[in-house]
């Protein structure tokens, strides 16, 4: 599997979110705590995306992705330290066997307005969800970032967003549709435009941290702060930063299908 985190709040150094905490995403790339049978390390690439000021309507995401392990990128502290961001989505990748380890396969995926990540696997890939992919515009399929399940999931979510769907509904309906065709998939998705942050817990770990002025959603807590709260399996989390301060809601997401996910 992978590890990912999302942040909404006042402008802070991106390094303070991704690199500096006690159990940061950087540390989780080589010493994750709760992979739940989905691998042992997250060394198949990483990505960091951010919004400098998502409260403005024209702010677009900046994305930095690499195919190498996060801990090998010696330029990362110098790159992320000076960057102040109000919205962040970052991920460390553990590639599913058979899928390519290339820069463009690492989350976050983006079209400029949105950042998207998938922590999990689509069972029976690629045939299991071929019928869903067939409903996408041909140009979307021809311009996928990578031949991976995560890239197709992003295309499915993005198509719903372009049709005007609410981000929470776009994520929820994509998860339900994929699960129906590919039972027992791990579908831990995360989506943000810097103003709204949506994530699902679907057969994997997820926790939230809400402070006086910020909210964080992450695969694993980055420290021992008692305010970290585990998200129950098969739930969707929605956080908003407008109006200020950020708020967070956790809701059930469909019925739990049969399967073994130990």
C-alpha atoms as a PDB file:
ATOM      1  CA  UNK A   1       0.000   0.000   0.000  1.00  0.00           C
ATOM      2  CA  UNK A   2       1.044   3.630   0.412  1.00  0.00           C
ATOM      3  CA  UNK A   3       0.936   6.439   2.983  1.00  0.00           C
ATOM      4  CA  UNK A   4      -0.663   9.817   2.442  1.00  0.00           C
ATOM      5  CA  UNK A   5      -1.671  12.963   4.292  1.00  0.00           C
ATOM      6  CA  UNK A   6      -3.717  16.069   3.667  1.00  0.00           C
ATOM      7  CA  UNK A   7      -3.652  19.458   5.401  1.00  0.00           C
ATOM      8  CA  UNK A   8      -5.912  22.520   5.487  1.00  0.00           C
ATOM      9  CA  UNK A   9      -5.060  25.505   7.639  1.00  0.00           C
ATOM     10  CA  UNK A  10      -2.953  28.635   7.975  1.00  0.00           C
ATOM     11  CA  UNK A  11       0.083  28.931   5.740  1.00  0.00           C
ATOM     12  CA  UNK A  12       2.879  26.767   7.164  1.00  0.00           C
ATOM     13  CA  UNK A  13       6.119  25.342   5.863  1.00  0.00           C
ATOM     14  CA  UNK A  14       5.409  22.226   3.794  1.00  0.00           C
ATOM     15  CA  UNK A  15       8.508  20.657   5.359  1.00  0.00           C
ATOM     16  CA  UNK A  16       6.897  21.050   8.807  1.00  0.00           C
ATOM     17  CA  UNK A  17       4.066  18.778   7.640  1.00  0.00           C
ATOM     18  CA  UNK A  18       5.920  16.219   5.546  1.00  0.00           C
ATOM     19  CA  UNK A  19       9.470  15.983   6.890  1.00  0.00           C
ATOM     20  CA  UNK A  20       9.763  17.290  10.433  1.00  0.00           C
ATOM     21  CA  UNK A  21       7.194  15.569  12.712  1.00  0.00           C
ATOM     22  CA  UNK A  22       8.350  12.714  14.934  1.00  0.00           C
ATOM     23  CA  UNK A  23       6.608  10.101  12.747  1.00  0.00           C
ATOM     24  CA  UNK A  24       6.523  12.146   9.554  1.00  0.00           C
ATOM     25  CA  UNK A  25       5.590  10.931   6.108  1.00  0.00           C
ATOM     26  CA  UNK A  26       9.323  10.756   5.472  1.00  0.00           C
ATOM     27  CA  UNK A  27       9.736   8.298   8.337  1.00  0.00           C
ATOM     28  CA  UNK A  28       6.635   6.387   7.242  1.00  0.00           C
ATOM     29  CA  UNK A  29       8.300   5.839   3.870  1.00  0.00           C
ATOM     30  CA  UNK A  30      10.800   3.482   5.535  1.00  0.00           C
ATOM     31  CA  UNK A  31       9.226   2.703   8.935  1.00  0.00           C
ATOM     32  CA  UNK A  32       5.407   2.639   8.645  1.00  0.00           C
ATOM     33  CA  UNK A  33       3.509   1.343  11.653  1.00  0.00           C
ATOM     34  CA  UNK A  34       0.127   0.214  10.308  1.00  0.00           C
ATOM     35  CA  UNK A  35       0.372  -1.239   6.782  1.00  0.00           C
ATOM     36  CA  UNK A  36      -2.179  -4.004   7.559  1.00  0.00           C
ATOM     37  CA  UNK A  37      -0.596  -6.594   5.315  1.00  0.00           C
ATOM     38  CA  UNK A  38      -0.119  -4.177   2.432  1.00  0.00           C
ATOM     39  CA  UNK A  39       3.669  -4.267   2.289  1.00  0.00           C
ATOM     40  CA  UNK A  40       6.501  -3.277   4.606  1.00  0.00           C
ATOM     41  CA  UNK A  41       7.951   0.008   3.260  1.00  0.00           C
ATOM     42  CA  UNK A  42       6.914   2.770   0.879  1.00  0.00           C
ATOM     43  CA  UNK A  43       9.955   3.107  -1.357  1.00  0.00           C
ATOM     44  CA  UNK A  44       8.479   3.225  -4.884  1.00  0.00           C
ATOM     45  CA  UNK A  45       8.290   6.972  -5.271  1.00  0.00           C
ATOM     46  CA  UNK A  46       6.619   9.902  -3.586  1.00  0.00           C
ATOM     47  CA  UNK A  47       4.938  13.184  -4.304  1.00  0.00           C
ATOM     48  CA  UNK A  48       4.065  16.444  -2.595  1.00  0.00           C
ATOM     49  CA  UNK A  49       1.443  18.900  -3.826  1.00  0.00           C
ATOM     50  CA  UNK A  50       0.503  22.244  -2.319  1.00  0.00           C
ATOM     51  CA  UNK A  51      -1.580  25.388  -2.656  1.00  0.00           C
ATOM     52  CA  UNK A  52       0.140  28.620  -1.648  1.00  0.00           C
ATOM     53  CA  UNK A  53      -3.172  30.353  -0.935  1.00  0.00           C
ATOM     54  CA  UNK A  54      -6.192  28.205  -1.720  1.00  0.00           C
ATOM     55  CA  UNK A  55      -8.530  30.932  -0.458  1.00  0.00           C
ATOM     56  CA  UNK A  56      -8.041  32.709  -3.764  1.00  0.00           C
ATOM     57  CA  UNK A  57     -10.106  31.359  -6.631  1.00  0.00           C
ATOM     58  CA  UNK A  58      -7.206  31.250  -9.094  1.00  0.00           C
ATOM     59  CA  UNK A  59      -4.682  29.350  -6.954  1.00  0.00           C
ATOM     60  CA  UNK A  60      -3.397  26.223  -8.692  1.00  0.00           C
ATOM     61  CA  UNK A  61      -1.493  23.334  -7.216  1.00  0.00           C
ATOM     62  CA  UNK A  62       2.254  22.876  -7.460  1.00  0.00           C
ATOM     63  CA  UNK A  63       3.377  19.232  -7.550  1.00  0.00           C
ATOM     64  CA  UNK A  64       6.771  17.623  -7.000  1.00  0.00           C
ATOM     65  CA  UNK A  65       7.015  13.871  -7.762  1.00  0.00           C
ATOM     66  CA  UNK A  66       9.840  11.372  -7.946  1.00  0.00           C
ATOM     67  CA  UNK A  67      10.149   7.615  -8.606  1.00  0.00           C
ATOM     68  CA  UNK A  68      12.843   7.164  -5.954  1.00  0.00           C
ATOM     69  CA  UNK A  69      12.392   6.627  -2.189  1.00  0.00           C
ATOM     70  CA  UNK A  70      11.676   9.833  -0.314  1.00  0.00           C
ATOM     71  CA  UNK A  71      14.662   9.371   1.978  1.00  0.00           C
ATOM     72  CA  UNK A  72      17.080   9.460  -0.973  1.00  0.00           C
ATOM     73  CA  UNK A  73      16.065  12.946  -2.131  1.00  0.00           C
ATOM     74  CA  UNK A  74      18.613  15.190  -0.452  1.00  0.00           C
ATOM     75  CA  UNK A  75      17.115  18.279  -2.120  1.00  0.00           C
ATOM     76  CA  UNK A  76      13.724  17.830  -0.464  1.00  0.00           C
ATOM     77  CA  UNK A  77      14.337  19.792   2.775  1.00  0.00           C
ATOM     78  CA  UNK A  78      15.706  22.748   0.825  1.00  0.00           C
ATOM     79  CA  UNK A  79      12.776  22.613  -1.587  1.00  0.00           C
ATOM     80  CA  UNK A  80       9.932  22.264   0.912  1.00  0.00           C
ATOM     81  CA  UNK A  81      11.344  24.297   3.805  1.00  0.00           C
ATOM     82  CA  UNK A  82      10.783  27.761   2.299  1.00  0.00           C
ATOM     83  CA  UNK A  83       7.352  26.919   0.805  1.00  0.00           C
ATOM     84  CA  UNK A  84       4.401  28.234   2.831  1.00  0.00           C
ATOM     85  CA  UNK A  85       1.109  26.522   1.961  1.00  0.00           C
ATOM     86  CA  UNK A  86      -2.492  26.572   3.158  1.00  0.00           C
ATOM     87  CA  UNK A  87      -3.373  23.236   1.548  1.00  0.00           C
ATOM     88  CA  UNK A  88      -1.166  20.152   1.103  1.00  0.00           C
ATOM     89  CA  UNK A  89      -1.509  16.575  -0.117  1.00  0.00           C
ATOM     90  CA  UNK A  90       1.549  14.322   0.043  1.00  0.00           C
ATOM     91  CA  UNK A  91       2.082  10.589  -0.494  1.00  0.00           C
ATOM     92  CA  UNK A  92       4.766   7.900  -0.301  1.00  0.00           C
ATOM     93  CA  UNK A  93       4.203   4.974  -2.675  1.00  0.00           C
ATOM     94  CA  UNK A  94       4.402   1.221  -2.265  1.00  0.00           C
ATOM     95  CA  UNK A  95       3.705  -0.054  -5.772  1.00  0.00           C
ATOM     96  CA  UNK A  96       1.433  -3.021  -6.367  1.00  0.00           C
ATOM     97  CA  UNK A  97       3.339  -5.926  -7.919  1.00  0.00           C
ATOM     98  CA  UNK A  98       3.264  -5.603 -11.702  1.00  0.00           C
ATOM     99  CA  UNK A  99       2.665  -1.867 -11.801  1.00  0.00           C
ATOM    100  CA  UNK A 100       5.434   0.430 -13.034  1.00  0.00           C
ATOM    101  CA  UNK A 101       7.715   2.370 -10.724  1.00  0.00           C
ATOM    102  CA  UNK A 102       7.873   5.663 -12.581  1.00  0.00           C
ATOM    103  CA  UNK A 103       7.617   9.283 -11.542  1.00  0.00           C
ATOM    104  CA  UNK A 104       4.168   9.838 -13.024  1.00  0.00           C
ATOM    105  CA  UNK A 105       2.734   6.854 -11.138  1.00  0.00           C
ATOM    106  CA  UNK A 106       3.341   8.577  -7.799  1.00  0.00           C
ATOM    107  CA  UNK A 107       0.577  10.600  -6.171  1.00  0.00           C
ATOM    108  CA  UNK A 108      -0.608  13.264  -6.013  1.00  0.00           C
ATOM    109  CA  UNK A 109      -2.277  13.326  -9.400  1.00  0.00           C
ATOM    110  CA  UNK A 110      -3.543  16.718 -10.503  1.00  0.00           C
ATOM    111  CA  UNK A 111      -5.188  18.791 -13.182  1.00  0.00           C
ATOM    112  CA  UNK A 112      -4.103  22.027 -11.502  1.00  0.00           C
ATOM    113  CA  UNK A 113      -7.232  22.641  -9.448  1.00  0.00           C
ATOM    114  CA  UNK A 114      -7.266  19.317  -7.589  1.00  0.00           C
ATOM    115  CA  UNK A 115      -4.808  16.945  -5.914  1.00  0.00           C
ATOM    116  CA  UNK A 116      -5.656  13.224  -5.632  1.00  0.00           C
ATOM    117  CA  UNK A 117      -4.094  10.171  -3.988  1.00  0.00           C
ATOM    118  CA  UNK A 118      -4.946   6.460  -3.728  1.00  0.00           C
ATOM    119  CA  UNK A 119      -3.621   4.248  -0.947  1.00  0.00           C
ATOM    120  CA  UNK A 120      -4.614   0.679  -1.823  1.00  0.00           C
ATOM    121  CA  UNK A 121      -5.225  -1.687  -4.701  1.00  0.00           C
ATOM    122  CA  UNK A 122      -8.003  -2.498  -7.152  1.00  0.00           C
ATOM    123  CA  UNK A 123      -8.482  -6.269  -7.148  1.00  0.00           C
ATOM    124  CA  UNK A 124      -8.527  -7.988 -10.520  1.00  0.00           C
ATOM    125  CA  UNK A 125      -6.868  -5.040 -12.216  1.00  0.00           C
ATOM    126  CA  UNK A 126      -7.226  -4.130 -15.041  1.00  0.00           C
ATOM    127  CA  UNK A 127     -10.135  -6.253 -16.284  1.00  0.00           C
ATOM    128  CA  UNK A 128     -12.268  -5.821 -13.162  1.00  0.00           C
ATOM    129  CA  UNK A 129     -13.011  -2.137 -13.794  1.00  0.00           C
ATOM    130  CA  UNK A 130     -12.615  -2.078 -17.573  1.00  0.00           C
ATOM    131  CA  UNK A 131     -16.317  -1.338 -17.967  1.00  0.00           C
ATOM    132  CA  UNK A 132     -15.970   1.804 -15.828  1.00  0.00           C
ATOM    133  CA  UNK A 133     -12.910   2.948 -17.751  1.00  0.00           C
ATOM    134  CA  UNK A 134     -14.793   2.425 -21.012  1.00  0.00           C
ATOM    135  CA  UNK A 135     -17.188   5.173 -19.966  1.00  0.00           C
ATOM    136  CA  UNK A 136     -14.415   7.773 -19.775  1.00  0.00           C
ATOM    137  CA  UNK A 137     -13.560  10.113 -22.646  1.00  0.00           C
ATOM    138  CA  UNK A 138     -10.990   8.510 -24.937  1.00  0.00           C
ATOM    139  CA  UNK A 139      -8.648  11.480 -24.513  1.00  0.00           C
ATOM    140  CA  UNK A 140      -8.649  10.941 -20.736  1.00  0.00           C
ATOM    141  CA  UNK A 141      -7.556   7.328 -21.220  1.00  0.00           C
ATOM    142  CA  UNK A 142      -4.927   8.337 -23.762  1.00  0.00           C
ATOM    143  CA  UNK A 143      -3.409  10.904 -21.392  1.00  0.00           C
ATOM    144  CA  UNK A 144      -3.327   8.941 -18.127  1.00  0.00           C
ATOM    145  CA  UNK A 145      -0.261   9.713 -16.041  1.00  0.00           C
ATOM    146  CA  UNK A 146       0.565   5.991 -15.786  1.00  0.00           C
ATOM    147  CA  UNK A 147      -0.947   2.547 -16.546  1.00  0.00           C
ATOM    148  CA  UNK A 148      -2.003   2.012 -12.923  1.00  0.00           C
ATOM    149  CA  UNK A 149      -5.176   1.526 -10.924  1.00  0.00           C
ATOM    150  CA  UNK A 150      -4.601   4.815  -9.096  1.00  0.00           C
ATOM    151  CA  UNK A 151      -4.398   6.785 -12.349  1.00  0.00           C
ATOM    152  CA  UNK A 152      -7.683   5.307 -13.560  1.00  0.00           C
ATOM    153  CA  UNK A 153      -9.344   5.992 -10.207  1.00  0.00           C
ATOM    154  CA  UNK A 154      -8.244   9.612 -10.566  1.00  0.00           C
ATOM    155  CA  UNK A 155      -9.712   9.754 -14.072  1.00  0.00           C
ATOM    156  CA  UNK A 156     -13.020   8.392 -12.753  1.00  0.00           C
ATOM    157  CA  UNK A 157     -13.149  10.923  -9.916  1.00  0.00           C
ATOM    158  CA  UNK A 158     -12.080  13.797 -12.175  1.00  0.00           C
ATOM    159  CA  UNK A 159     -14.844  12.990 -14.667  1.00  0.00           C
ATOM    160  CA  UNK A 160     -17.415  13.333 -11.876  1.00  0.00           C
ATOM    161  CA  UNK A 161     -15.897  16.624 -10.732  1.00  0.00           C
ATOM    162  CA  UNK A 162     -16.058  17.971 -14.283  1.00  0.00           C
ATOM    163  CA  UNK A 163     -19.733  17.030 -14.368  1.00  0.00           C
ATOM    164  CA  UNK A 164     -20.267  19.279 -11.379  1.00  0.00           C
ATOM    165  CA  UNK A 165     -20.465  16.675  -8.626  1.00  0.00           C
ATOM    166  CA  UNK A 166     -19.632  17.638  -5.079  1.00  0.00           C
ATOM    167  CA  UNK A 167     -16.140  16.283  -4.203  1.00  0.00           C
ATOM    168  CA  UNK A 168     -17.479  14.114  -1.379  1.00  0.00           C
ATOM    169  CA  UNK A 169     -20.086  12.558  -3.651  1.00  0.00           C
ATOM    170  CA  UNK A 170     -17.535  12.076  -6.439  1.00  0.00           C
ATOM    171  CA  UNK A 171     -15.232  10.151  -4.108  1.00  0.00           C
ATOM    172  CA  UNK A 172     -17.994   8.153  -2.411  1.00  0.00           C
ATOM    173  CA  UNK A 173     -19.695   7.030  -5.616  1.00  0.00           C
ATOM    174  CA  UNK A 174     -16.384   6.085  -7.212  1.00  0.00           C
ATOM    175  CA  UNK A 175     -15.497   3.897  -4.227  1.00  0.00           C
ATOM    176  CA  UNK A 176     -18.883   2.151  -4.258  1.00  0.00           C
ATOM    177  CA  UNK A 177     -18.838   1.541  -8.021  1.00  0.00           C
ATOM    178  CA  UNK A 178     -15.316   0.129  -7.986  1.00  0.00           C
ATOM    179  CA  UNK A 179     -16.018  -2.092  -4.978  1.00  0.00           C
ATOM    180  CA  UNK A 180     -19.059  -3.571  -6.699  1.00  0.00           C
ATOM    181  CA  UNK A 181     -16.944  -4.608  -9.694  1.00  0.00           C
ATOM    182  CA  UNK A 182     -13.734  -5.410  -7.799  1.00  0.00           C
ATOM    183  CA  UNK A 183     -14.728  -6.771  -4.377  1.00  0.00           C
ATOM    184  CA  UNK A 184     -12.199  -6.625  -1.552  1.00  0.00           C
ATOM    185  CA  UNK A 185     -10.327  -3.724  -3.122  1.00  0.00           C
ATOM    186  CA  UNK A 186      -8.544  -1.307  -0.804  1.00  0.00           C
ATOM    187  CA  UNK A 187      -9.907   2.097  -1.747  1.00  0.00           C
ATOM    188  CA  UNK A 188      -8.406   4.710   0.508  1.00  0.00           C
ATOM    189  CA  UNK A 189      -8.760   7.864  -1.556  1.00  0.00           C
ATOM    190  CA  UNK A 190      -7.841  11.459  -0.771  1.00  0.00           C
ATOM    191  CA  UNK A 191      -8.841  14.588  -2.698  1.00  0.00           C
ATOM    192  CA  UNK A 192      -8.368  18.300  -2.119  1.00  0.00           C
ATOM    193  CA  UNK A 193      -8.554  21.646  -3.872  1.00  0.00           C
ATOM    194  CA  UNK A 194      -7.016  23.376  -0.847  1.00  0.00           C
ATOM    195  CA  UNK A 195     -10.424  24.453   0.423  1.00  0.00           C
ATOM    196  CA  UNK A 196     -12.106  21.052   0.809  1.00  0.00           C
ATOM    197  CA  UNK A 197     -10.353  17.822   1.833  1.00  0.00           C
ATOM    198  CA  UNK A 198     -12.050  14.436   1.383  1.00  0.00           C
ATOM    199  CA  UNK A 199     -10.667  11.018   2.331  1.00  0.00           C
ATOM    200  CA  UNK A 200     -11.978   7.463   2.706  1.00  0.00           C
ATOM    201  CA  UNK A 201     -11.044   4.660   5.072  1.00  0.00           C
ATOM    202  CA  UNK A 202     -11.742   1.479   3.092  1.00  0.00           C
ATOM    203  CA  UNK A 203      -9.776  -1.473   4.435  1.00  0.00           C
ATOM    204  CA  UNK A 204      -6.852   0.580   5.673  1.00  0.00           C
ATOM    205  CA  UNK A 205      -5.745   2.968   8.395  1.00  0.00           C
ATOM    206  CA  UNK A 206      -6.723   6.632   8.544  1.00  0.00           C
ATOM    207  CA  UNK A 207      -6.661   9.220  11.343  1.00  0.00           C
ATOM    208  CA  UNK A 208      -7.641  12.854  11.783  1.00  0.00           C
ATOM    209  CA  UNK A 209      -6.186  15.716  13.793  1.00  0.00           C
ATOM    210  CA  UNK A 210      -8.228  18.867  14.395  1.00  0.00           C
ATOM    211  CA  UNK A 211      -6.615  21.864  16.087  1.00  0.00           C
ATOM    212  CA  UNK A 212      -7.905  25.371  16.733  1.00  0.00           C
ATOM    213  CA  UNK A 213      -7.049  26.498  13.209  1.00  0.00           C
ATOM    214  CA  UNK A 214      -6.152  23.452  11.089  1.00  0.00           C
ATOM    215  CA  UNK A 215      -7.129  19.914  10.158  1.00  0.00           C
ATOM    216  CA  UNK A 216      -4.937  16.997   9.106  1.00  0.00           C
ATOM    217  CA  UNK A 217      -6.045  13.648   7.649  1.00  0.00           C
ATOM    218  CA  UNK A 218      -3.306  11.019   7.439  1.00  0.00           C
ATOM    219  CA  UNK A 219      -2.707   7.301   7.038  1.00  0.00           C
ATOM    220  CA  UNK A 220      -0.839   7.376  10.360  1.00  0.00           C
ATOM    221  CA  UNK A 221      -0.554   9.968  13.154  1.00  0.00           C
ATOM    222  CA  UNK A 222       2.695  11.900  12.907  1.00  0.00           C
ATOM    223  CA  UNK A 223       3.141  12.266  16.678  1.00  0.00           C
ATOM    224  CA  UNK A 224       1.603  11.302  20.031  1.00  0.00           C
ATOM    225  CA  UNK A 225      -0.879  14.182  20.213  1.00  0.00           C
ATOM    226  CA  UNK A 226      -3.993  12.768  21.967  1.00  0.00           C
ATOM    227  CA  UNK A 227      -6.230  14.673  19.551  1.00  0.00           C
ATOM    228  CA  UNK A 228      -5.469  12.189  16.780  1.00  0.00           C
ATOM    229  CA  UNK A 229      -8.644  10.175  16.154  1.00  0.00           C
ATOM    230  CA  UNK A 230      -8.839   6.916  14.140  1.00  0.00           C
ATOM    231  CA  UNK A 231     -11.420   6.888  11.340  1.00  0.00           C
ATOM    232  CA  UNK A 232     -13.628   3.772  11.375  1.00  0.00           C
ATOM    233  CA  UNK A 233     -13.386   1.457   8.400  1.00  0.00           C
ATOM    234  CA  UNK A 234     -15.839   2.188   5.555  1.00  0.00           C
ATOM    235  CA  UNK A 235     -16.200   5.847   6.452  1.00  0.00           C
ATOM    236  CA  UNK A 236     -15.653   9.070   4.535  1.00  0.00           C
ATOM    237  CA  UNK A 237     -14.118  12.189   6.058  1.00  0.00           C
ATOM    238  CA  UNK A 238     -14.879  15.674   4.741  1.00  0.00           C
ATOM    239  CA  UNK A 239     -13.054  18.774   5.938  1.00  0.00           C
ATOM    240  CA  UNK A 240     -13.629  22.333   4.766  1.00  0.00           C
ATOM    241  CA  UNK A 241     -11.554  25.464   5.263  1.00  0.00           C
ATOM    242  CA  UNK A 242     -14.123  27.982   4.049  1.00  0.00           C
ATOM    243  CA  UNK A 243     -15.705  29.446   6.104  1.00  0.00           C
ATOM    244  CA  UNK A 244     -12.837  29.594   8.583  1.00  0.00           C
ATOM    245  CA  UNK A 245     -11.922  27.825  10.868  1.00  0.00           C
ATOM    246  CA  UNK A 246     -11.745  24.365   9.259  1.00  0.00           C
ATOM    247  CA  UNK A 247     -14.440  21.860  10.160  1.00  0.00           C
ATOM    248  CA  UNK A 248     -14.536  18.078   9.834  1.00  0.00           C
ATOM    249  CA  UNK A 249     -17.299  15.471   9.463  1.00  0.00           C
ATOM    250  CA  UNK A 250     -17.029  11.658   9.479  1.00  0.00           C
ATOM    251  CA  UNK A 251     -19.845   9.592   7.959  1.00  0.00           C
ATOM    252  CA  UNK A 252     -20.458   5.918   7.078  1.00  0.00           C
ATOM    253  CA  UNK A 253     -19.693   4.962   3.490  1.00  0.00           C
ATOM    254  CA  UNK A 254     -21.848   2.049   2.317  1.00  0.00           C
ATOM    255  CA  UNK A 255     -22.150  -1.417   3.788  1.00  0.00           C
ATOM    256  CA  UNK A 256     -19.124  -3.573   4.549  1.00  0.00           C
ATOM    257  CA  UNK A 257     -18.897  -6.312   1.931  1.00  0.00           C
ATOM    258  CA  UNK A 258     -17.626  -9.787   2.744  1.00  0.00           C
ATOM    259  CA  UNK A 259     -13.924 -10.448   2.445  1.00  0.00           C
ATOM    260  CA  UNK A 260     -10.680 -11.060   4.311  1.00  0.00           C
ATOM    261  CA  UNK A 261      -8.543  -7.970   4.775  1.00  0.00           C
ATOM    262  CA  UNK A 262      -6.249  -8.972   7.612  1.00  0.00           C
END
